[in-house]
Amino acid sequence: MLSKKYKKKARLRDDVPVRFNEAEYKERQDFIKSLGICQVCDDSTNLDTPHHTLQGSNKDDRSLICICIECHHTLHSVGYETLKKSKVQLVAIGNLNNDLYEQYKKEK
């Protein structure tokens, strides 16, 4: 059985944000953008660079969502309040996108 101290350290390692090298990050961005529609408004195809749903010290390259220029601008200038989906929903979409990318990469 693992000690409490070891369990806590292992759990904390899972919480560490992941940042990829430039080539891997670009490949992930391209995959997310290839989804072809904004995952915030579910409408626009005028897409911008994918957006991290986890920001600041928690910024994680596995949290990318496909976002249109208008929603991206709104998100950074006004915040989540006026968007069609909540931050919680967008983080969940980012997690799903990561799972889809990992599956795509295995099949590639």
Protein backbone atom coordinates (compact mmCIF):
# COMPACT_ATOMS: atom_id res chain seq x y z
CA MET A 1 0.00 0.00 0.00
CA LEU A 2 1.24 3.50 -0.85
CA SER A 3 1.92 5.95 1.93
CA LYS A 4 -0.25 9.08 2.19
CA LYS A 5 2.78 11.22 1.34
CA TYR A 6 3.43 9.28 -1.89
CA LYS A 7 -0.24 9.35 -2.92
CA LYS A 8 -0.37 13.12 -2.47
CA LYS A 9 2.75 13.66 -4.60
CA ALA A 10 1.40 11.38 -7.34
CA ARG A 11 -1.91 13.26 -7.36
CA LEU A 12 -0.15 16.61 -7.61
CA ARG A 13 1.87 15.46 -10.61
CA ASP A 14 -1.39 14.75 -12.46
CA ASP A 15 -2.41 18.36 -11.83
CA VAL A 16 0.71 19.86 -13.42
CA PRO A 17 -0.12 21.70 -16.66
CA VAL A 18 1.47 20.26 -19.79
CA ARG A 19 3.30 22.38 -22.36
CA PHE A 20 4.45 20.78 -25.62
CA ASN A 21 7.36 21.60 -27.88
CA GLU A 22 6.60 23.88 -30.83
CA ALA A 23 6.10 21.06 -33.37
CA GLU A 24 3.73 19.06 -31.15
CA TYR A 25 1.80 22.20 -30.19
CA LYS A 26 1.40 23.21 -33.86
CA GLU A 27 0.16 19.70 -34.73
CA ARG A 28 -2.42 19.90 -31.93
CA GLN A 29 -3.54 23.36 -33.07
CA ASP A 30 -3.94 22.13 -36.65
CA PHE A 31 -5.98 19.13 -35.47
CA ILE A 32 -8.28 21.31 -33.32
CA LYS A 33 -8.77 23.84 -36.13
CA SER A 34 -9.59 20.98 -38.53
CA LEU A 35 -12.77 20.39 -36.51
CA GLY A 36 -14.03 23.22 -38.72
CA ILE A 37 -16.56 25.00 -36.52
CA CYS A 38 -16.43 27.19 -33.44
CA GLN A 39 -17.03 25.07 -30.33
CA VAL A 40 -18.24 28.13 -28.43
CA CYS A 41 -21.09 29.36 -30.67
CA ASP A 42 -21.46 26.14 -32.74
CA ASP A 43 -21.98 28.31 -35.79
CA SER A 44 -19.06 30.25 -37.22
CA THR A 45 -16.43 28.82 -39.55
CA ASN A 46 -14.41 32.06 -39.46
CA LEU A 47 -11.87 30.37 -37.21
CA ASP A 48 -9.07 31.86 -35.15
CA THR A 49 -6.06 30.18 -33.52
CA PRO A 50 -7.34 27.57 -31.03
CA HIS A 51 -7.86 28.87 -27.48
CA HIS A 52 -6.55 27.44 -24.19
CA THR A 53 -9.43 26.90 -21.78
CA LEU A 54 -6.94 26.71 -18.90
CA GLN A 55 -5.01 29.97 -18.53
CA GLY A 56 -2.41 31.61 -16.33
CA SER A 57 -0.31 29.31 -14.19
CA ASN A 58 -2.70 26.48 -15.17
CA LYS A 59 -2.22 27.02 -18.93
CA ASP A 60 -2.24 23.56 -20.45
CA ASP A 61 -1.69 22.72 -24.11
CA ARG A 62 -4.12 19.80 -23.77
CA SER A 63 -7.02 22.24 -23.19
CA LEU A 64 -7.41 23.69 -26.70
CA ILE A 65 -10.80 24.44 -28.25
CA CYS A 66 -11.73 25.47 -31.77
CA ILE A 67 -12.92 29.08 -31.63
CA CYS A 68 -14.04 31.70 -34.14
CA ILE A 69 -12.56 35.18 -34.31
CA GLU A 70 -15.69 36.83 -32.86
CA CYS A 71 -15.99 34.49 -29.85
CA HIS A 72 -12.23 34.70 -29.21
CA HIS A 73 -12.41 38.51 -29.17
CA THR A 74 -15.47 38.45 -26.89
CA LEU A 75 -13.81 35.99 -24.53
CA HIS A 76 -10.71 38.16 -24.10
CA SER A 77 -12.46 41.53 -24.02
CA VAL A 78 -15.66 40.76 -22.06
CA GLY A 79 -15.19 37.31 -20.54
CA TYR A 80 -17.21 34.11 -20.44
CA GLU A 81 -20.42 35.79 -19.22
CA THR A 82 -21.76 36.68 -22.67
CA LEU A 83 -20.73 33.47 -24.46
CA LYS A 84 -23.15 30.70 -25.42
CA LYS A 85 -21.25 28.18 -23.24
CA SER A 86 -19.82 28.45 -19.74
CA LYS A 87 -16.16 28.11 -18.81
CA VAL A 88 -16.92 24.71 -17.25
CA GLN A 89 -18.46 23.52 -20.52
CA LEU A 90 -15.51 24.81 -22.55
CA VAL A 91 -12.97 23.15 -20.26
CA ALA A 92 -14.86 19.87 -20.74
CA ILE A 93 -14.76 20.38 -24.52
CA GLY A 94 -11.02 21.04 -24.31
CA ASN A 95 -10.58 17.76 -22.41
CA LEU A 96 -12.63 15.91 -25.02
CA ASN A 97 -10.56 17.48 -27.80
CA ASN A 98 -7.41 16.22 -26.10
CA ASP A 99 -8.86 12.71 -25.99
CA LEU A 100 -9.82 12.94 -29.68
CA TYR A 101 -6.34 14.15 -30.58
CA GLU A 102 -4.68 11.32 -28.64
CA GLN A 103 -6.91 8.80 -30.44
CA TYR A 104 -6.13 10.42 -33.81
CA LYS A 105 -2.41 10.29 -33.08
CA LYS A 106 -2.55 6.57 -32.20
CA GLU A 107 -4.35 5.79 -35.46
CA LYS A 108 -2.03 7.94 -37.56
